C-alpha atoms as a PDB file:
ATOM      1  CA  MET A   1     111.170 100.243 111.101  1.00  0.00           C
ATOM      2  CA  LEU A   2     107.625  99.928 109.716  1.00  0.00           C
ATOM      3  CA  LYS A   3     107.366 100.306 105.962  1.00  0.00           C
ATOM      4  CA  ILE A   4     103.907 100.607 104.208  1.00  0.00           C
ATOM      5  CA  ARG A   5     104.284 100.144 100.562  1.00  0.00           C
ATOM      6  CA  ASP A   6     101.552 100.955  97.871  1.00  0.00           C
ATOM      7  CA  LEU A   7      98.822  99.953 100.348  1.00  0.00           C
ATOM      8  CA  SER A   8      95.300 100.022  98.853  1.00  0.00           C
ATOM      9  CA  TYR A   9      91.887  98.757  99.985  1.00  0.00           C
ATOM     10  CA  LYS A  10      88.482  98.656  98.550  1.00  0.00           C
ATOM     11  CA  TYR A  11      85.397  96.674  99.769  1.00  0.00           C
ATOM     12  CA  SER A  12      84.802  95.029  96.508  1.00  0.00           C
ATOM     13  CA  SER A  13      85.608  95.218  92.869  1.00  0.00           C
ATOM     14  CA  ASP A  14      82.504  97.256  92.232  1.00  0.00           C
ATOM     15  CA  THR A  15      83.552 100.022  94.643  1.00  0.00           C
ATOM     16  CA  GLY A  16      86.185 102.761  94.776  1.00  0.00           C
ATOM     17  CA  PHE A  17      89.286 102.721  96.948  1.00  0.00           C
ATOM     18  CA  ILE A  18      88.901 103.662 100.461  1.00  0.00           C
ATOM     19  CA  PHE A  19      92.633 104.360 100.407  1.00  0.00           C
ATOM     20  CA  HIS A  20      95.023 104.053  97.562  1.00  0.00           C
ATOM     21  CA  ASN A  21      98.839 103.578  97.043  1.00  0.00           C
ATOM     22  CA  LEU A  22      99.760 104.694 100.602  1.00  0.00           C
ATOM     23  CA  ASN A  23     103.540 104.771 101.244  1.00  0.00           C
ATOM     24  CA  TYR A  24     105.020 105.562 104.670  1.00  0.00           C
ATOM     25  CA  THR A  25     108.040 104.736 106.725  1.00  0.00           C
ATOM     26  CA  PHE A  26     107.930 104.910 110.578  1.00  0.00           C
ATOM     27  CA  ASN A  27     110.957 104.483 112.763  1.00  0.00           C
ATOM     28  CA  LYS A  28     110.785 103.265 116.347  1.00  0.00           C
ATOM     29  CA  GLY A  29     109.363 105.875 118.661  1.00  0.00           C
ATOM     30  CA  SER A  30     106.813 107.167 116.186  1.00  0.00           C
ATOM     31  CA  LEU A  31     103.563 108.574 117.329  1.00  0.00           C
ATOM     32  CA  VAL A  32     101.153 108.978 114.397  1.00  0.00           C
ATOM     33  CA  LYS A  33      97.633 110.599 114.299  1.00  0.00           C
ATOM     34  CA  LEU A  34      95.091 109.394 111.769  1.00  0.00           C
ATOM     35  CA  SER A  35      92.760 112.231 110.989  1.00  0.00           C
ATOM     36  CA  GLY A  36      89.687 112.603 108.917  1.00  0.00           C
ATOM     37  CA  PRO A  37      85.725 112.597 109.259  1.00  0.00           C
ATOM     38  CA  ASN A  38      83.875 109.492 110.283  1.00  0.00           C
ATOM     39  CA  GLY A  39      83.787 106.949 107.532  1.00  0.00           C
ATOM     40  CA  ALA A  40      86.913 108.415 105.832  1.00  0.00           C
ATOM     41  CA  GLY A  41      88.932 105.050 106.273  1.00  0.00           C
ATOM     42  CA  LYS A  42      90.964 105.548 109.550  1.00  0.00           C
ATOM     43  CA  SER A  43      89.489 102.404 111.112  1.00  0.00           C
ATOM     44  CA  THR A  44      89.869 100.459 107.920  1.00  0.00           C
ATOM     45  CA  PHE A  45      93.502 101.593 107.703  1.00  0.00           C
ATOM     46  CA  ILE A  46      94.075 100.287 111.295  1.00  0.00           C
ATOM     47  CA  TYR A  47      92.416  97.105 110.481  1.00  0.00           C
ATOM     48  CA  SER A  48      94.573  96.588 107.478  1.00  0.00           C
ATOM     49  CA  LEU A  49      97.817  96.953 109.417  1.00  0.00           C
ATOM     50  CA  SER A  50      96.364  94.719 112.235  1.00  0.00           C
ATOM     51  CA  GLY A  51      95.653  91.876 109.589  1.00  0.00           C
ATOM     52  CA  PHE A  52      92.096  91.804 110.522  1.00  0.00           C
ATOM     53  CA  ILE A  53      90.834  93.609 107.418  1.00  0.00           C
ATOM     54  CA  CYS A  54      90.192  90.663 105.009  1.00  0.00           C
ATOM     55  CA  GLN A  55      89.316  88.238 107.851  1.00  0.00           C
ATOM     56  CA  TYR A  56      86.495  90.385 109.162  1.00  0.00           C
ATOM     57  CA  LEU A  57      85.478  92.795 106.473  1.00  0.00           C
ATOM     58  CA  GLY A  58      86.541  90.969 103.230  1.00  0.00           C
ATOM     59  CA  GLY A  59      87.259  93.231 100.451  1.00  0.00           C
ATOM     60  CA  GLU A  60      90.612  93.675  98.375  1.00  0.00           C
ATOM     61  CA  LEU A  61      93.762  94.668 100.169  1.00  0.00           C
ATOM     62  CA  ASP A  62      96.933  95.173  98.055  1.00  0.00           C
ATOM     63  CA  GLY A  63     100.540  96.286  98.975  1.00  0.00           C
ATOM     64  CA  LEU A  64     103.061  95.439 101.576  1.00  0.00           C
ATOM     65  CA  ILE A  65     103.283  96.113 105.270  1.00  0.00           C
ATOM     66  CA  GLU A  66     106.756  95.318 106.346  1.00  0.00           C
ATOM     67  CA  TYR A  67     108.410  95.261 109.830  1.00  0.00           C
ATOM     68  CA  LYS A  68     111.948  94.355 110.509  1.00  0.00           C
ATOM     69  CA  GLY A  69     112.083  92.966 106.987  1.00  0.00           C
ATOM     70  CA  TYR A  70     109.118  90.696 107.305  1.00  0.00           C
ATOM     71  CA  ASN A  71     105.756  91.047 105.860  1.00  0.00           C
ATOM     72  CA  LEU A  72     103.312  91.477 108.943  1.00  0.00           C
ATOM     73  CA  HIS A  73     100.632  89.474 107.314  1.00  0.00           C
ATOM     74  CA  ASP A  74     102.984  86.477 106.922  1.00  0.00           C
ATOM     75  CA  LEU A  75     103.808  86.220 110.510  1.00  0.00           C
ATOM     76  CA  SER A  76     102.450  83.353 112.546  1.00  0.00           C
ATOM     77  CA  VAL A  77      99.563  84.061 115.146  1.00  0.00           C
ATOM     78  CA  LEU A  78     102.109  83.978 118.012  1.00  0.00           C
ATOM     79  CA  GLU A  79     104.578  86.345 116.176  1.00  0.00           C
ATOM     80  CA  HIS A  80     101.737  88.575 115.175  1.00  0.00           C
ATOM     81  CA  ILE A  81     100.386  89.011 118.828  1.00  0.00           C
ATOM     82  CA  GLU A  82     103.953  89.758 119.940  1.00  0.00           C
ATOM     83  CA  THR A  83     104.507  92.449 117.265  1.00  0.00           C
ATOM     84  CA  VAL A  84     101.302  94.373 116.808  1.00  0.00           C
ATOM     85  CA  ASN A  85      98.064  94.714 118.772  1.00  0.00           C
ATOM     86  CA  ILE A  86      94.828  96.584 118.194  1.00  0.00           C
ATOM     87  CA  VAL A  87      92.387  98.191 120.572  1.00  0.00           C
ATOM     88  CA  PHE A  88      89.073  98.588 118.934  1.00  0.00           C
ATOM     89  CA  GLN A  89      87.020 101.874 119.162  1.00  0.00           C
ATOM     90  CA  ASP A  90      84.038  99.818 120.779  1.00  0.00           C
ATOM     91  CA  PRO A  91      85.269  97.430 123.582  1.00  0.00           C
ATOM     92  CA  GLU A  92      82.026  95.335 123.212  1.00  0.00           C
ATOM     93  CA  CYS A  93      83.771  94.052 119.871  1.00  0.00           C
ATOM     94  CA  GLN A  94      86.975  93.179 121.691  1.00  0.00           C
ATOM     95  CA  ILE A  95      86.024  91.672 125.143  1.00  0.00           C
ATOM     96  CA  SER A  96      86.020  87.829 124.651  1.00  0.00           C
ATOM     97  CA  PHE A  97      86.116  86.473 128.234  1.00  0.00           C
ATOM     98  CA  ALA A  98      83.607  86.433 131.085  1.00  0.00           C
ATOM     99  CA  GLY A  99      86.376  87.125 133.701  1.00  0.00           C
ATOM    100  CA  VAL A 100      88.092  90.485 133.989  1.00  0.00           C
ATOM    101  CA  TYR A 101      91.463  88.789 134.787  1.00  0.00           C
ATOM    102  CA  GLU A 102      90.876  86.293 131.936  1.00  0.00           C
ATOM    103  CA  GLU A 103      90.573  89.169 129.569  1.00  0.00           C
ATOM    104  CA  LEU A 104      93.600  90.954 130.943  1.00  0.00           C
ATOM    105  CA  ASN A 105      95.658  87.736 130.525  1.00  0.00           C
ATOM    106  CA  CYS A 106      94.267  86.464 127.274  1.00  0.00           C
ATOM    107  CA  GLN A 107      97.321  87.560 125.021  1.00  0.00           C
ATOM    108  CA  LEU A 108      99.876  86.818 127.569  1.00  0.00           C
ATOM    109  CA  LEU A 109      98.581  83.159 128.087  1.00  0.00           C
ATOM    110  CA  TYR A 110      98.621  82.760 124.219  1.00  0.00           C
ATOM    111  CA  THR A 111     102.229  84.094 123.956  1.00  0.00           C
ATOM    112  CA  GLN A 112     103.248  82.155 127.174  1.00  0.00           C
ATOM    113  CA  ARG A 113     104.523  85.437 128.489  1.00  0.00           C
ATOM    114  CA  LYS A 114     102.448  85.290 131.756  1.00  0.00           C
ATOM    115  CA  THR A 115     104.881  85.869 134.568  1.00  0.00           C
ATOM    116  CA  ALA A 116     104.816  87.246 138.188  1.00  0.00           C
ATOM    117  CA  GLU A 117     106.311  90.577 136.653  1.00  0.00           C
ATOM    118  CA  LYS A 118     103.296  90.842 134.305  1.00  0.00           C
ATOM    119  CA  ASP A 119     100.926  90.105 137.113  1.00  0.00           C
ATOM    120  CA  VAL A 120     102.433  93.044 139.023  1.00  0.00           C
ATOM    121  CA  LEU A 121     102.016  95.241 136.006  1.00  0.00           C
ATOM    122  CA  ILE A 122      98.362  94.321 135.713  1.00  0.00           C
ATOM    123  CA  GLU A 123      97.779  95.390 139.239  1.00  0.00           C
ATOM    124  CA  GLU A 124      99.914  98.579 138.774  1.00  0.00           C
ATOM    125  CA  TYR A 125      97.743  99.650 135.727  1.00  0.00           C
ATOM    126  CA  LEU A 126      94.520  98.726 137.363  1.00  0.00           C
ATOM    127  CA  ASP A 127      95.518 101.030 140.332  1.00  0.00           C
ATOM    128  CA  LEU A 128      96.664 103.774 137.890  1.00  0.00           C
ATOM    129  CA  PHE A 129      93.190 103.741 136.256  1.00  0.00           C
ATOM    130  CA  GLY A 130      91.463 103.317 139.558  1.00  0.00           C
ATOM    131  CA  LEU A 131      89.642 100.066 138.618  1.00  0.00           C
ATOM    132  CA  LYS A 132      88.578  98.057 141.593  1.00  0.00           C
ATOM    133  CA  VAL A 133      88.358  94.430 140.401  1.00  0.00           C
ATOM    134  CA  ASP A 134      89.244  91.097 141.746  1.00  0.00           C
ATOM    135  CA  GLU A 135      89.654  87.541 140.394  1.00  0.00           C
ATOM    136  CA  SER A 136      85.772  87.074 140.730  1.00  0.00           C
ATOM    137  CA  SER A 137      84.861  90.209 138.716  1.00  0.00           C
ATOM    138  CA  LYS A 138      83.003  89.721 135.419  1.00  0.00           C
ATOM    139  CA  THR A 139      83.490  91.846 132.344  1.00  0.00           C
ATOM    140  CA  SER A 140      79.642  91.942 131.959  1.00  0.00           C
ATOM    141  CA  GLU A 141      79.506  93.873 135.280  1.00  0.00           C
ATOM    142  CA  LEU A 142      81.855  96.684 133.945  1.00  0.00           C
ATOM    143  CA  SER A 143      80.718 100.003 132.410  1.00  0.00           C
ATOM    144  CA  TRP A 144      81.483 100.821 128.775  1.00  0.00           C
ATOM    145  CA  GLY A 145      84.313 102.901 129.848  1.00  0.00           C
ATOM    146  CA  GLN A 146      85.717 100.401 132.156  1.00  0.00           C
ATOM    147  CA  LYS A 147      85.728  97.742 129.490  1.00  0.00           C
ATOM    148  CA  LYS A 148      87.714 100.117 127.333  1.00  0.00           C
ATOM    149  CA  MET A 149      90.308 100.619 130.062  1.00  0.00           C
ATOM    150  CA  ILE A 150      90.489  96.772 130.389  1.00  0.00           C
ATOM    151  CA  CYS A 151      91.242  96.533 126.576  1.00  0.00           C
ATOM    152  CA  LEU A 152      93.878  99.282 126.967  1.00  0.00           C
ATOM    153  CA  ILE A 153      95.465  97.597 130.030  1.00  0.00           C
ATOM    154  CA  ALA A 154      95.741  94.261 128.172  1.00  0.00           C
ATOM    155  CA  LEU A 155      97.557  96.066 125.376  1.00  0.00           C
ATOM    156  CA  PHE A 156      99.934  97.862 127.991  1.00  0.00           C
ATOM    157  CA  VAL A 157     101.056  94.660 129.768  1.00  0.00           C
ATOM    158  CA  ASN A 158     101.496  92.717 126.448  1.00  0.00           C
ATOM    159  CA  ASP A 159     103.404  95.668 125.236  1.00  0.00           C
ATOM    160  CA  PRO A 160     104.049  94.776 121.486  1.00  0.00           C
ATOM    161  CA  ASP A 161     106.324  96.646 119.165  1.00  0.00           C
ATOM    162  CA  ILE A 162     103.318  98.353 117.268  1.00  0.00           C
ATOM    163  CA  TRP A 163     100.185  99.635 118.930  1.00  0.00           C
ATOM    164  CA  LEU A 164      97.134 100.416 116.824  1.00  0.00           C
ATOM    165  CA  LEU A 165      94.467 102.422 118.699  1.00  0.00           C
ATOM    166  CA  ASP A 166      90.971 103.231 117.192  1.00  0.00           C
ATOM    167  CA  GLU A 167      89.537 106.238 119.049  1.00  0.00           C
ATOM    168  CA  PRO A 168      91.242 105.347 122.371  1.00  0.00           C
ATOM    169  CA  PHE A 169      90.164 108.647 124.165  1.00  0.00           C
ATOM    170  CA  SER A 170      86.581 108.270 123.376  1.00  0.00           C
ATOM    171  CA  GLY A 171      84.479 107.604 126.429  1.00  0.00           C
ATOM    172  CA  LEU A 172      87.243 108.237 128.806  1.00  0.00           C
ATOM    173  CA  SER A 173      87.062 110.961 131.561  1.00  0.00           C
ATOM    174  CA  ILE A 174      89.486 113.836 131.409  1.00  0.00           C
ATOM    175  CA  GLN A 175      91.538 112.114 134.270  1.00  0.00           C
ATOM    176  CA  HIS A 176      91.744 108.737 132.397  1.00  0.00           C
ATOM    177  CA  SER A 177      92.537 110.469 129.167  1.00  0.00           C
ATOM    178  CA  LYS A 178      95.576 112.107 130.908  1.00  0.00           C
ATOM    179  CA  ILE A 179      96.609 108.763 132.229  1.00  0.00           C
ATOM    180  CA  LEU A 180      96.340 107.197 128.875  1.00  0.00           C
ATOM    181  CA  ALA A 181      98.322 110.085 127.206  1.00  0.00           C
ATOM    182  CA  GLU A 182     101.081 109.706 129.845  1.00  0.00           C
ATOM    183  CA  VAL A 183     101.319 105.948 129.143  1.00  0.00           C
ATOM    184  CA  LEU A 184     101.507 106.507 125.403  1.00  0.00           C
ATOM    185  CA  ALA A 185     104.165 109.142 125.681  1.00  0.00           C
ATOM    186  CA  LYS A 186     106.238 106.797 127.823  1.00  0.00           C
ATOM    187  CA  LYS A 187     105.859 103.855 125.402  1.00  0.00           C
ATOM    188  CA  ARG A 188     106.741 106.161 122.489  1.00  0.00           C
ATOM    189  CA  ASN A 189     110.037 107.086 124.392  1.00  0.00           C
ATOM    190  CA  ASP A 190     110.545 103.279 124.904  1.00  0.00           C
ATOM    191  CA  GLY A 191     110.512 102.967 121.065  1.00  0.00           C
ATOM    192  CA  ARG A 192     106.943 101.676 120.423  1.00  0.00           C
ATOM    193  CA  ILE A 193     105.399 102.666 117.024  1.00  0.00           C
ATOM    194  CA  ILE A 194     101.893 103.978 118.052  1.00  0.00           C
ATOM    195  CA  MET A 195      99.130 104.966 115.558  1.00  0.00           C
ATOM    196  CA  LEU A 196      95.733 106.289 116.691  1.00  0.00           C
ATOM    197  CA  SER A 197      92.612 107.930 115.402  1.00  0.00           C
ATOM    198  CA  ASP A 198      91.079 110.442 117.775  1.00  0.00           C
ATOM    199  CA  HIS A 199      88.105 112.609 117.297  1.00  0.00           C
ATOM    200  CA  THR A 200      88.505 114.177 120.751  1.00  0.00           C
ATOM    201  CA  ASP A 201      91.586 115.976 119.556  1.00  0.00           C
ATOM    202  CA  TYR A 202      93.252 115.331 122.838  1.00  0.00           C
ATOM    203  CA  PRO A 203      96.620 117.181 122.749  1.00  0.00           C
ATOM    204  CA  MET A 204      99.489 114.886 121.942  1.00  0.00           C
ATOM    205  CA  ASP A 205     103.064 115.255 120.571  1.00  0.00           C
ATOM    206  CA  TYR A 206     102.451 113.646 117.138  1.00  0.00           C
ATOM    207  CA  GLN A 207     105.319 113.189 114.787  1.00  0.00           C
ATOM    208  CA  TYR A 208     103.152 112.443 111.865  1.00  0.00           C
ATOM    209  CA  THR A 209      99.631 112.994 110.790  1.00  0.00           C
ATOM    210  CA  ILE A 210      97.979 110.854 107.944  1.00  0.00           C
ATOM    211  CA  GLY A 211      94.751 112.457 106.521  1.00  0.00           C
ATOM    212  CA  PHE A 212      91.995 110.433 105.298  1.00  0.00           C
ATOM    213  CA  GLY A 213      89.167 111.514 102.976  1.00  0.00           C
ATOM    214  CA  LYS A 214      87.618 110.508  99.813  1.00  0.00           C
ATOM    215  CA  ASN A 215      89.976 108.021  98.149  1.00  0.00           C
ATOM    216  CA  ALA A 216      92.891 108.934 100.304  1.00  0.00           C
ATOM    217  CA  THR A 217      96.305 108.566  98.658  1.00  0.00           C
ATOM    218  CA  ASN A 218      99.755 110.085  98.986  1.00  0.00           C
END
């Protein structure tokens, strides 16, 4: 169970809250849509759950994000990677390695979860998305959409308990969007908690919708 308690964020003491005193509880198998216009705070909310918010954006974050009785922000780096992963809207902000397979394996290598079974999963997801790459392929040679699929596949294979997706359908073809939706539906049925923002309004069976706007609160 994921509990969000009195979560608030503002960029500085001189600015208003982006969101204020948010309180939610999500059980395993929850699919959550974050809605609202550009700049409303959806990405900021995702970053706050991931733990990246203060590290990369600064600002003031208050409240508690609790999973299985632990504060997510108190977890070690290893525990955090095994518990919650994020896929950014822009893959250029996420791709860290020159080699495609290095990028696909980066989280698995850190968590020491790289196994022959994981290698098979990588190949299966590459085939599913129709990506033709090999051990010599470079991330710099990929299109923007292909880079996004690589980031998604890395998440699929690491398979943490909580998935945070910022505009995952953006830049994908109709075919690839359908593949993504099918993977998300399966993983939700497997008990993952999945939160995503989506301006494409791709049809999904959401259990919850969180609306963001000026000084979002609940």
